[in-house]
Amino acid sequence: MSSPLRYQFIHDERLGIRLPVLHLEWEDYSNVERADMLLEWEEIRATIPDQIHRVEKVIIEKTTQMSEEENFVRSCELNSEIHELASVINDLNIWFRVQQDHGTKIHQ
């Protein structure tokens, strides 16, 4: 019989990375669980700069498309897509800055 998951990392489609889902308060996890979570988070966190770079490339492509687009409606759509991608980069930067020591919670 397996024990229920006390925490997990679930892929976030929008951001393109796995994010922590904590089912307990940070203080309720053992030191071993905290260390395991922080190790896994560090591995995920290390991929964030590459993910940001991939999103930036898409923004550049869409910006180029928008500058050449003659259809106003399509230009507006591209602008909205660029805005959403910029929001993704902002969120990735926030996750990248999450502190990794044992005294700090991973955002839920």
PDB file of N, CA and C in Angstrom:
ATOM      1  N   MET A   1       0.856  -1.175   0.000  1.00  0.00           N
ATOM      2  CA  MET A   1       0.000   0.000   0.000  1.00  0.00           C
ATOM      3  C   MET A   1       0.897   1.231   0.000  1.00  0.00           C
ATOM      4  N   SER A   2       0.627   2.173  -0.897  1.00  0.00           N
ATOM      5  CA  SER A   2       1.442   3.377  -0.962  1.00  0.00           C
ATOM      6  C   SER A   2       0.776   4.493  -0.171  1.00  0.00           C
ATOM      7  N   SER A   3       1.607   5.392   0.356  1.00  0.00           N
ATOM      8  CA  SER A   3       1.074   6.519   1.115  1.00  0.00           C
ATOM      9  C   SER A   3       0.643   7.617   0.146  1.00  0.00           C
ATOM     10  N   PRO A   4      -0.320   8.446   0.565  1.00  0.00           N
ATOM     11  CA  PRO A   4      -0.777   9.519  -0.325  1.00  0.00           C
ATOM     12  C   PRO A   4       0.348  10.532  -0.574  1.00  0.00           C
ATOM     13  N   LEU A   5       0.291  11.167  -1.727  1.00  0.00           N
ATOM     14  CA  LEU A   5       1.294  12.171  -2.063  1.00  0.00           C
ATOM     15  C   LEU A   5       1.180  13.358  -1.114  1.00  0.00           C
ATOM     16  N   ARG A   6       2.311  13.715  -0.524  1.00  0.00           N
ATOM     17  CA  ARG A   6       2.336  14.863   0.380  1.00  0.00           C
ATOM     18  C   ARG A   6       2.736  16.121  -0.364  1.00  0.00           C
ATOM     19  N   TYR A   7       3.404  15.933  -1.495  1.00  0.00           N
ATOM     20  CA  TYR A   7       3.742  17.038  -2.382  1.00  0.00           C
ATOM     21  C   TYR A   7       4.031  16.456  -3.752  1.00  0.00           C
ATOM     22  N   GLN A   8       3.997  17.299  -4.752  1.00  0.00           N
ATOM     23  CA  GLN A   8       4.336  16.847  -6.092  1.00  0.00           C
ATOM     24  C   GLN A   8       4.727  18.058  -6.934  1.00  0.00           C
ATOM     25  N   PHE A   9       5.315  17.795  -8.065  1.00  0.00           N
ATOM     26  CA  PHE A   9       5.657  18.826  -9.026  1.00  0.00           C
ATOM     27  C   PHE A   9       4.862  18.510 -10.292  1.00  0.00           C
ATOM     28  N   ILE A  10       4.022  19.448 -10.703  1.00  0.00           N
ATOM     29  CA  ILE A  10       3.119  19.238 -11.828  1.00  0.00           C
ATOM     30  C   ILE A  10       3.484  20.198 -12.954  1.00  0.00           C
ATOM     31  N   HIS A  11       3.491  19.661 -14.178  1.00  0.00           N
ATOM     32  CA  HIS A  11       3.840  20.470 -15.343  1.00  0.00           C
ATOM     33  C   HIS A  11       2.805  21.570 -15.550  1.00  0.00           C
ATOM     34  N   ASP A  12       3.293  22.801 -15.664  1.00  0.00           N
ATOM     35  CA  ASP A  12       2.448  23.943 -15.978  1.00  0.00           C
ATOM     36  C   ASP A  12       2.590  24.213 -17.473  1.00  0.00           C
ATOM     37  N   GLU A  13       1.527  23.989 -18.203  1.00  0.00           N
ATOM     38  CA  GLU A  13       1.563  24.113 -19.666  1.00  0.00           C
ATOM     39  C   GLU A  13       1.942  25.525 -20.095  1.00  0.00           C
ATOM     40  N   ARG A  14       1.401  26.512 -19.432  1.00  0.00           N
ATOM     41  CA  ARG A  14       1.658  27.902 -19.806  1.00  0.00           C
ATOM     42  C   ARG A  14       3.126  28.270 -19.653  1.00  0.00           C
ATOM     43  N   LEU A  15       3.734  27.870 -18.544  1.00  0.00           N
ATOM     44  CA  LEU A  15       5.123  28.236 -18.267  1.00  0.00           C
ATOM     45  C   LEU A  15       6.122  27.249 -18.859  1.00  0.00           C
ATOM     46  N   GLY A  16       5.685  26.039 -19.120  1.00  0.00           N
ATOM     47  CA  GLY A  16       6.577  25.048 -19.694  1.00  0.00           C
ATOM     48  C   GLY A  16       7.538  24.418 -18.699  1.00  0.00           C
ATOM     49  N   ILE A  17       7.218  24.511 -17.409  1.00  0.00           N
ATOM     50  CA  ILE A  17       8.042  23.894 -16.366  1.00  0.00           C
ATOM     51  C   ILE A  17       7.119  23.218 -15.353  1.00  0.00           C
ATOM     52  N   ARG A  18       7.721  22.371 -14.513  1.00  0.00           N
ATOM     53  CA  ARG A  18       6.954  21.762 -13.424  1.00  0.00           C
ATOM     54  C   ARG A  18       6.984  22.709 -12.221  1.00  0.00           C
ATOM     55  N   LEU A  19       5.842  22.843 -11.574  1.00  0.00           N
ATOM     56  CA  LEU A  19       5.730  23.703 -10.396  1.00  0.00           C
ATOM     57  C   LEU A  19       5.335  22.877  -9.181  1.00  0.00           C
ATOM     58  N   PRO A  20       5.780  23.316  -7.999  1.00  0.00           N
ATOM     59  CA  PRO A  20       5.457  22.560  -6.788  1.00  0.00           C
ATOM     60  C   PRO A  20       4.001  22.715  -6.373  1.00  0.00           C
ATOM     61  N   VAL A  21       3.440  21.614  -5.919  1.00  0.00           N
ATOM     62  CA  VAL A  21       2.115  21.610  -5.309  1.00  0.00           C
ATOM     63  C   VAL A  21       2.302  20.983  -3.933  1.00  0.00           C
ATOM     64  N   LEU A  22       2.136  21.813  -2.915  1.00  0.00           N
ATOM     65  CA  LEU A  22       2.322  21.337  -1.543  1.00  0.00           C
ATOM     66  C   LEU A  22       0.954  21.069  -0.935  1.00  0.00           C
ATOM     67  N   HIS A  23       0.786  19.883  -0.362  1.00  0.00           N
ATOM     68  CA  HIS A  23      -0.490  19.502   0.234  1.00  0.00           C
ATOM     69  C   HIS A  23      -0.515  19.771   1.730  1.00  0.00           C
ATOM     70  N   LEU A  24       0.617  20.217   2.272  1.00  0.00           N
ATOM     71  CA  LEU A  24       0.733  20.557   3.695  1.00  0.00           C
ATOM     72  C   LEU A  24       1.405  21.910   3.815  1.00  0.00           C
ATOM     73  N   GLU A  25       1.396  22.457   5.008  1.00  0.00           N
ATOM     74  CA  GLU A  25       2.188  23.653   5.276  1.00  0.00           C
ATOM     75  C   GLU A  25       3.667  23.256   5.272  1.00  0.00           C
ATOM     76  N   TRP A  26       4.529  24.161   4.845  1.00  0.00           N
ATOM     77  CA  TRP A  26       5.968  23.890   4.736  1.00  0.00           C
ATOM     78  C   TRP A  26       6.523  23.312   6.033  1.00  0.00           C
ATOM     79  N   GLU A  27       6.093  23.853   7.173  1.00  0.00           N
ATOM     80  CA  GLU A  27       6.606  23.416   8.476  1.00  0.00           C
ATOM     81  C   GLU A  27       6.197  21.984   8.818  1.00  0.00           C
ATOM     82  N   ASP A  28       5.166  21.463   8.147  1.00  0.00           N
ATOM     83  CA  ASP A  28       4.684  20.110   8.426  1.00  0.00           C
ATOM     84  C   ASP A  28       5.461  19.021   7.695  1.00  0.00           C
ATOM     85  N   TYR A  29       6.371  19.412   6.820  1.00  0.00           N
ATOM     86  CA  TYR A  29       7.211  18.437   6.122  1.00  0.00           C
ATOM     87  C   TYR A  29       8.454  18.157   6.948  1.00  0.00           C
ATOM     88  N   SER A  30       8.927  16.935   6.859  1.00  0.00           N
ATOM     89  CA  SER A  30      10.165  16.579   7.567  1.00  0.00           C
ATOM     90  C   SER A  30      11.347  17.272   6.887  1.00  0.00           C
ATOM     91  N   ASN A  31      12.471  17.307   7.582  1.00  0.00           N
ATOM     92  CA  ASN A  31      13.679  17.897   6.994  1.00  0.00           C
ATOM     93  C   ASN A  31      14.100  17.148   5.727  1.00  0.00           C
ATOM     94  N   VAL A  32      13.902  15.838   5.724  1.00  0.00           N
ATOM     95  CA  VAL A  32      14.258  15.037   4.551  1.00  0.00           C
ATOM     96  C   VAL A  32      13.352  15.409   3.375  1.00  0.00           C
ATOM     97  N   GLU A  33      12.041  15.522   3.639  1.00  0.00           N
ATOM     98  CA  GLU A  33      11.117  15.910   2.562  1.00  0.00           C
ATOM     99  C   GLU A  33      11.453  17.301   2.029  1.00  0.00           C
ATOM    100  N   ARG A  34      11.735  18.222   2.931  1.00  0.00           N
ATOM    101  CA  ARG A  34      12.095  19.576   2.499  1.00  0.00           C
ATOM    102  C   ARG A  34      13.344  19.546   1.626  1.00  0.00           C
ATOM    103  N   ALA A  35      14.337  18.804   2.058  1.00  0.00           N
ATOM    104  CA  ALA A  35      15.576  18.715   1.278  1.00  0.00           C
ATOM    105  C   ALA A  35      15.318  18.083  -0.086  1.00  0.00           C
ATOM    106  N   ASP A  36      14.484  17.046  -0.124  1.00  0.00           N
ATOM    107  CA  ASP A  36      14.140  16.406  -1.399  1.00  0.00           C
ATOM    108  C   ASP A  36      13.414  17.382  -2.323  1.00  0.00           C
ATOM    109  N   MET A  37      12.461  18.125  -1.765  1.00  0.00           N
ATOM    110  CA  MET A  37      11.726  19.102  -2.564  1.00  0.00           C
ATOM    111  C   MET A  37      12.656  20.184  -3.102  1.00  0.00           C
ATOM    112  N   LEU A  38      13.526  20.679  -2.241  1.00  0.00           N
ATOM    113  CA  LEU A  38      14.439  21.746  -2.660  1.00  0.00           C
ATOM    114  C   LEU A  38      15.413  21.256  -3.724  1.00  0.00           C
ATOM    115  N   LEU A  39      15.862  20.017  -3.615  1.00  0.00           N
ATOM    116  CA  LEU A  39      16.753  19.453  -4.626  1.00  0.00           C
ATOM    117  C   LEU A  39      16.029  19.350  -5.966  1.00  0.00           C
ATOM    118  N   GLU A  40      14.811  18.822  -5.930  1.00  0.00           N
ATOM    119  CA  GLU A  40      14.044  18.705  -7.172  1.00  0.00           C
ATOM    120  C   GLU A  40      13.754  20.092  -7.756  1.00  0.00           C
ATOM    121  N   TRP A  41      13.400  21.056  -6.873  1.00  0.00           N
ATOM    122  CA  TRP A  41      13.127  22.406  -7.346  1.00  0.00           C
ATOM    123  C   TRP A  41      14.377  23.025  -7.985  1.00  0.00           C
ATOM    124  N   GLU A  42      15.537  22.814  -7.404  1.00  0.00           N
ATOM    125  CA  GLU A  42      16.775  23.362  -7.977  1.00  0.00           C
ATOM    126  C   GLU A  42      17.018  22.815  -9.375  1.00  0.00           C
ATOM    127  N   GLU A  43      16.711  21.539  -9.579  1.00  0.00           N
ATOM    128  CA  GLU A  43      16.870  20.947 -10.914  1.00  0.00           C
ATOM    129  C   GLU A  43      15.908  21.597 -11.908  1.00  0.00           C
ATOM    130  N   ILE A  44      14.679  21.829 -11.480  1.00  0.00           N
ATOM    131  CA  ILE A  44      13.686  22.486 -12.338  1.00  0.00           C
ATOM    132  C   ILE A  44      14.097  23.937 -12.567  1.00  0.00           C
ATOM    133  N   ARG A  45      14.461  24.606 -11.488  1.00  0.00           N
ATOM    134  CA  ARG A  45      14.840  26.019 -11.543  1.00  0.00           C
ATOM    135  C   ARG A  45      15.985  26.247 -12.532  1.00  0.00           C
ATOM    136  N   ALA A  46      16.892  25.303 -12.612  1.00  0.00           N
ATOM    137  CA  ALA A  46      18.037  25.427 -13.517  1.00  0.00           C
ATOM    138  C   ALA A  46      17.612  25.451 -14.979  1.00  0.00           C
ATOM    139  N   THR A  47      16.414  24.965 -15.287  1.00  0.00           N
ATOM    140  CA  THR A  47      15.929  24.953 -16.671  1.00  0.00           C
ATOM    141  C   THR A  47      15.220  26.252 -17.054  1.00  0.00           C
ATOM    142  N   ILE A  48      14.916  27.089 -16.081  1.00  0.00           N
ATOM    143  CA  ILE A  48      14.131  28.298 -16.347  1.00  0.00           C
ATOM    144  C   ILE A  48      14.819  29.257 -17.313  1.00  0.00           C
ATOM    145  N   PRO A  49      16.120  29.548 -17.191  1.00  0.00           N
ATOM    146  CA  PRO A  49      16.735  30.459 -18.164  1.00  0.00           C
ATOM    147  C   PRO A  49      16.602  29.979 -19.609  1.00  0.00           C
ATOM    148  N   ASP A  50      16.727  28.676 -19.832  1.00  0.00           N
ATOM    149  CA  ASP A  50      16.550  28.140 -21.188  1.00  0.00           C
ATOM    150  C   ASP A  50      15.102  28.303 -21.656  1.00  0.00           C
ATOM    151  N   GLN A  51      14.171  28.113 -20.749  1.00  0.00           N
ATOM    152  CA  GLN A  51      12.752  28.284 -21.104  1.00  0.00           C
ATOM    153  C   GLN A  51      12.479  29.750 -21.447  1.00  0.00           C
ATOM    154  N   ILE A  52      13.042  30.658 -20.677  1.00  0.00           N
ATOM    155  CA  ILE A  52      12.879  32.088 -20.970  1.00  0.00           C
ATOM    156  C   ILE A  52      13.449  32.397 -22.355  1.00  0.00           C
ATOM    157  N   HIS A  53      14.601  31.849 -22.664  1.00  0.00           N
ATOM    158  CA  HIS A  53      15.228  32.075 -23.973  1.00  0.00           C
ATOM    159  C   HIS A  53      14.326  31.577 -25.106  1.00  0.00           C
ATOM    160  N   ARG A  54      13.704  30.398 -24.920  1.00  0.00           N
ATOM    161  CA  ARG A  54      12.797  29.870 -25.940  1.00  0.00           C
ATOM    162  C   ARG A  54      11.604  30.804 -26.155  1.00  0.00           C
ATOM    163  N   VAL A  55      11.048  31.321 -25.076  1.00  0.00           N
ATOM    164  CA  VAL A  55       9.904  32.219 -25.183  1.00  0.00           C
ATOM    165  C   VAL A  55      10.325  33.538 -25.837  1.00  0.00           C
ATOM    166  N   GLU A  56      11.510  34.029 -25.487  1.00  0.00           N
ATOM    167  CA  GLU A  56      12.009  35.262 -26.103  1.00  0.00           C
ATOM    168  C   GLU A  56      12.142  35.108 -27.617  1.00  0.00           C
ATOM    169  N   LYS A  57      12.595  33.939 -28.072  1.00  0.00           N
ATOM    170  CA  LYS A  57      12.722  33.697 -29.509  1.00  0.00           C
ATOM    171  C   LYS A  57      11.355  33.776 -30.200  1.00  0.00           C
ATOM    172  N   VAL A  58      10.326  33.241 -29.542  1.00  0.00           N
ATOM    173  CA  VAL A  58       8.978  33.298 -30.110  1.00  0.00           C
ATOM    174  C   VAL A  58       8.498  34.756 -30.167  1.00  0.00           C
ATOM    175  N   ILE A  59       8.801  35.518 -29.122  1.00  0.00           N
ATOM    176  CA  ILE A  59       8.420  36.937 -29.117  1.00  0.00           C
ATOM    177  C   ILE A  59       9.080  37.670 -30.284  1.00  0.00           C
ATOM    178  N   ILE A  60      10.349  37.397 -30.504  1.00  0.00           N
ATOM    179  CA  ILE A  60      11.062  38.040 -31.618  1.00  0.00           C
ATOM    180  C   ILE A  60      10.409  37.675 -32.947  1.00  0.00           C
ATOM    181  N   GLU A  61      10.072  36.402 -33.120  1.00  0.00           N
ATOM    182  CA  GLU A  61       9.416  35.965 -34.351  1.00  0.00           C
ATOM    183  C   GLU A  61       8.071  36.667 -34.540  1.00  0.00           C
ATOM    184  N   LYS A  62       7.280  36.747 -33.473  1.00  0.00           N
ATOM    185  CA  LYS A  62       5.966  37.385 -33.565  1.00  0.00           C
ATOM    186  C   LYS A  62       6.097  38.888 -33.777  1.00  0.00           C
ATOM    187  N   THR A  63       7.101  39.503 -33.193  1.00  0.00           N
ATOM    188  CA  THR A  63       7.332  40.939 -33.398  1.00  0.00           C
ATOM    189  C   THR A  63       7.681  41.215 -34.854  1.00  0.00           C
ATOM    190  N   THR A  64       8.499  40.342 -35.429  1.00  0.00           N
ATOM    191  CA  THR A  64       8.838  40.478 -36.849  1.00  0.00           C
ATOM    192  C   THR A  64       7.594  40.320 -37.710  1.00  0.00           C
ATOM    193  N   GLN A  65       6.786  39.307 -37.394  1.00  0.00           N
ATOM    194  CA  GLN A  65       5.534  39.099 -38.132  1.00  0.00           C
ATOM    195  C   GLN A  65       4.630  40.333 -38.024  1.00  0.00           C
ATOM    196  N   MET A  66       4.543  40.882 -36.812  1.00  0.00           N
ATOM    197  CA  MET A  66       3.660  42.021 -36.592  1.00  0.00           C
ATOM    198  C   MET A  66       4.125  43.239 -37.387  1.00  0.00           C
ATOM    199  N   SER A  67       5.442  43.436 -37.473  1.00  0.00           N
ATOM    200  CA  SER A  67       5.950  44.604 -38.199  1.00  0.00           C
ATOM    201  C   SER A  67       5.697  44.499 -39.700  1.00  0.00           C
ATOM    202  N   GLU A  68       5.505  43.273 -40.179  1.00  0.00           N
ATOM    203  CA  GLU A  68       5.257  43.053 -41.602  1.00  0.00           C
ATOM    204  C   GLU A  68       3.779  42.842 -41.924  1.00  0.00           C
ATOM    205  N   GLU A  69       2.974  42.716 -40.881  1.00  0.00           N
ATOM    206  CA  GLU A  69       1.554  42.399 -41.065  1.00  0.00           C
ATOM    207  C   GLU A  69       0.784  43.626 -41.535  1.00  0.00           C
ATOM    208  N   GLU A  70      -0.024  43.431 -42.567  1.00  0.00           N
ATOM    209  CA  GLU A  70      -0.840  44.525 -43.094  1.00  0.00           C
ATOM    210  C   GLU A  70      -2.281  44.445 -42.618  1.00  0.00           C
ATOM    211  N   ASN A  71      -2.680  43.282 -42.150  1.00  0.00           N
ATOM    212  CA  ASN A  71      -4.045  43.092 -41.654  1.00  0.00           C
ATOM    213  C   ASN A  71      -4.093  43.576 -40.197  1.00  0.00           C
ATOM    214  N   PHE A  72      -4.908  44.606 -39.943  1.00  0.00           N
ATOM    215  CA  PHE A  72      -4.977  45.205 -38.615  1.00  0.00           C
ATOM    216  C   PHE A  72      -5.413  44.199 -37.551  1.00  0.00           C
ATOM    217  N   VAL A  73      -6.416  43.401 -37.861  1.00  0.00           N
ATOM    218  CA  VAL A  73      -6.926  42.423 -36.894  1.00  0.00           C
ATOM    219  C   VAL A  73      -5.824  41.428 -36.528  1.00  0.00           C
ATOM    220  N   ARG A  74      -5.096  40.944 -37.523  1.00  0.00           N
ATOM    221  CA  ARG A  74      -4.006  40.004 -37.254  1.00  0.00           C
ATOM    222  C   ARG A  74      -2.905  40.677 -36.445  1.00  0.00           C
ATOM    223  N   SER A  75      -2.624  41.959 -36.735  1.00  0.00           N
ATOM    224  CA  SER A  75      -1.625  42.699 -35.952  1.00  0.00           C
ATOM    225  C   SER A  75      -2.026  42.764 -34.478  1.00  0.00           C
ATOM    226  N   CYS A  76      -3.301  42.986 -34.247  1.00  0.00           N
ATOM    227  CA  CYS A  76      -3.808  43.030 -32.870  1.00  0.00           C
ATOM    228  C   CYS A  76      -3.677  41.666 -32.193  1.00  0.00           C
ATOM    229  N   GLU A  77      -3.957  40.606 -32.935  1.00  0.00           N
ATOM    230  CA  GLU A  77      -3.806  39.250 -32.395  1.00  0.00           C
ATOM    231  C   GLU A  77      -2.351  38.981 -32.033  1.00  0.00           C
ATOM    232  N   LEU A  78      -1.447  39.346 -32.917  1.00  0.00           N
ATOM    233  CA  LEU A  78      -0.017  39.142 -32.645  1.00  0.00           C
ATOM    234  C   LEU A  78       0.416  39.949 -31.430  1.00  0.00           C
ATOM    235  N   ASN A  79      -0.072  41.164 -31.323  1.00  0.00           N
ATOM    236  CA  ASN A  79       0.263  41.997 -30.173  1.00  0.00           C
ATOM    237  C   ASN A  79      -0.209  41.346 -28.873  1.00  0.00           C
ATOM    238  N   SER A  80      -1.416  40.795 -28.895  1.00  0.00           N
ATOM    239  CA  SER A  80      -1.936  40.098 -27.706  1.00  0.00           C
ATOM    240  C   SER A  80      -1.085  38.872 -27.373  1.00  0.00           C
ATOM    241  N   GLU A  81      -0.684  38.128 -28.394  1.00  0.00           N
ATOM    242  CA  GLU A  81       0.161  36.944 -28.181  1.00  0.00           C
ATOM    243  C   GLU A  81       1.507  37.350 -27.586  1.00  0.00           C
ATOM    244  N   ILE A  82       2.069  38.433 -28.081  1.00  0.00           N
ATOM    245  CA  ILE A  82       3.348  38.929 -27.554  1.00  0.00           C
ATOM    246  C   ILE A  82       3.180  39.349 -26.100  1.00  0.00           C
ATOM    247  N   HIS A  83       2.083  40.007 -25.797  1.00  0.00           N
ATOM    248  CA  HIS A  83       1.810  40.429 -24.420  1.00  0.00           C
ATOM    249  C   HIS A  83       1.733  39.217 -23.494  1.00  0.00           C
ATOM    250  N   GLU A  84       1.037  38.174 -23.922  1.00  0.00           N
ATOM    251  CA  GLU A  84       0.920  36.958 -23.106  1.00  0.00           C
ATOM    252  C   GLU A  84       2.289  36.302 -22.906  1.00  0.00           C
ATOM    253  N   LEU A  85       3.091  36.257 -23.960  1.00  0.00           N
ATOM    254  CA  LEU A  85       4.428  35.659 -23.850  1.00  0.00           C
ATOM    255  C   LEU A  85       5.308  36.471 -22.897  1.00  0.00           C
ATOM    256  N   ALA A  86       5.175  37.785 -22.933  1.00  0.00           N
ATOM    257  CA  ALA A  86       5.932  38.628 -22.001  1.00  0.00           C
ATOM    258  C   ALA A  86       5.500  38.342 -20.559  1.00  0.00           C
ATOM    259  N   SER A  87       4.213  38.084 -20.377  1.00  0.00           N
ATOM    260  CA  SER A  87       3.706  37.725 -19.053  1.00  0.00           C
ATOM    261  C   SER A  87       4.294  36.389 -18.587  1.00  0.00           C
ATOM    262  N   VAL A  88       4.443  35.449 -19.505  1.00  0.00           N
ATOM    263  CA  VAL A  88       5.059  34.156 -19.186  1.00  0.00           C
ATOM    264  C   VAL A  88       6.499  34.374 -18.719  1.00  0.00           C
ATOM    265  N   ILE A  89       7.239  35.204 -19.436  1.00  0.00           N
ATOM    266  CA  ILE A  89       8.629  35.486 -19.046  1.00  0.00           C
ATOM    267  C   ILE A  89       8.666  36.115 -17.662  1.00  0.00           C
ATOM    268  N   ASN A  90       7.764  37.047 -17.395  1.00  0.00           N
ATOM    269  CA  ASN A  90       7.713  37.666 -16.071  1.00  0.00           C
ATOM    270  C   ASN A  90       7.475  36.611 -14.993  1.00  0.00           C
ATOM    271  N   ASP A  91       6.516  35.722 -15.210  1.00  0.00           N
ATOM    272  CA  ASP A  91       6.228  34.676 -14.227  1.00  0.00           C
ATOM    273  C   ASP A  91       7.402  33.720 -14.060  1.00  0.00           C
ATOM    274  N   LEU A  92       8.065  33.375 -15.145  1.00  0.00           N
ATOM    275  CA  LEU A  92       9.250  32.511 -15.046  1.00  0.00           C
ATOM    276  C   LEU A  92      10.347  33.181 -14.234  1.00  0.00           C
ATOM    277  N   ASN A  93      10.517  34.476 -14.425  1.00  0.00           N
ATOM    278  CA  ASN A  93      11.518  35.200 -13.639  1.00  0.00           C
ATOM    279  C   ASN A  93      11.172  35.202 -12.160  1.00  0.00           C
ATOM    280  N   ILE A  94       9.897  35.334 -11.848  1.00  0.00           N
ATOM    281  CA  ILE A  94       9.471  35.281 -10.444  1.00  0.00           C
ATOM    282  C   ILE A  94       9.795  33.907  -9.854  1.00  0.00           C
ATOM    283  N   TRP A  95       9.439  32.842 -10.572  1.00  0.00           N
ATOM    284  CA  TRP A  95       9.739  31.493 -10.075  1.00  0.00           C
ATOM    285  C   TRP A  95      11.246  31.277  -9.956  1.00  0.00           C
ATOM    286  N   PHE A  96      12.010  31.825 -10.872  1.00  0.00           N
ATOM    287  CA  PHE A  96      13.460  31.654 -10.822  1.00  0.00           C
ATOM    288  C   PHE A  96      14.040  32.269  -9.548  1.00  0.00           C
ATOM    289  N   ARG A  97      13.434  33.334  -9.063  1.00  0.00           N
ATOM    290  CA  ARG A  97      13.958  34.027  -7.881  1.00  0.00           C
ATOM    291  C   ARG A  97      13.481  33.437  -6.561  1.00  0.00           C
ATOM    292  N   VAL A  98      12.634  32.413  -6.599  1.00  0.00           N
ATOM    293  CA  VAL A  98      12.171  31.792  -5.353  1.00  0.00           C
ATOM    294  C   VAL A  98      13.389  31.277  -4.589  1.00  0.00           C
ATOM    295  N   GLN A  99      13.470  31.667  -3.335  1.00  0.00           N
ATOM    296  CA  GLN A  99      14.621  31.281  -2.506  1.00  0.00           C
ATOM    297  C   GLN A  99      14.631  29.780  -2.251  1.00  0.00           C
ATOM    298  N   GLN A 100      15.830  29.239  -2.144  1.00  0.00           N
ATOM    299  CA  GLN A 100      15.968  27.787  -2.077  1.00  0.00           C
ATOM    300  C   GLN A 100      16.476  27.262  -0.726  1.00  0.00           C
ATOM    301  N   ASP A 101      16.445  28.073   0.322  1.00  0.00           N
ATOM    302  CA  ASP A 101      16.962  27.537   1.589  1.00  0.00           C
ATOM    303  C   ASP A 101      15.855  26.885   2.407  1.00  0.00           C
ATOM    304  N   HIS A 102      16.245  26.170   3.421  1.00  0.00           N
ATOM    305  CA  HIS A 102      15.286  25.390   4.213  1.00  0.00           C
ATOM    306  C   HIS A 102      14.307  26.253   4.991  1.00  0.00           C
ATOM    307  N   GLY A 103      14.616  27.512   5.202  1.00  0.00           N
ATOM    308  CA  GLY A 103      13.725  28.373   5.962  1.00  0.00           C
ATOM    309  C   GLY A 103      12.686  29.065   5.116  1.00  0.00           C
ATOM    310  N   THR A 104      12.704  28.877   3.809  1.00  0.00           N
ATOM    311  CA  THR A 104      11.799  29.585   2.913  1.00  0.00           C
ATOM    312  C   THR A 104      10.840  28.609   2.265  1.00  0.00           C
ATOM    313  N   LYS A 105       9.591  28.994   2.185  1.00  0.00           N
ATOM    314  CA  LYS A 105       8.578  28.166   1.541  1.00  0.00           C
ATOM    315  C   LYS A 105       8.732  28.238   0.035  1.00  0.00           C
ATOM    316  N   ILE A 106       8.425  27.150  -0.627  1.00  0.00           N
ATOM    317  CA  ILE A 106       8.243  27.172  -2.071  1.00  0.00           C
ATOM    318  C   ILE A 106       6.822  27.653  -2.279  1.00  0.00           C
ATOM    319  N   HIS A 107       6.611  28.607  -3.177  1.00  0.00           N
ATOM    320  CA  HIS A 107       5.263  29.139  -3.426  1.00  0.00           C
ATOM    321  C   HIS A 107       4.301  28.029  -3.781  1.00  0.00           C
ATOM    322  N   GLN A 108       3.098  28.147  -3.281  1.00  0.00           N
ATOM    323  CA  GLN A 108       2.063  27.155  -3.568  1.00  0.00           C
ATOM    324  C   GLN A 108       1.230  27.582  -4.728  1.00  0.00           C
TER     325      GLN A 108
END
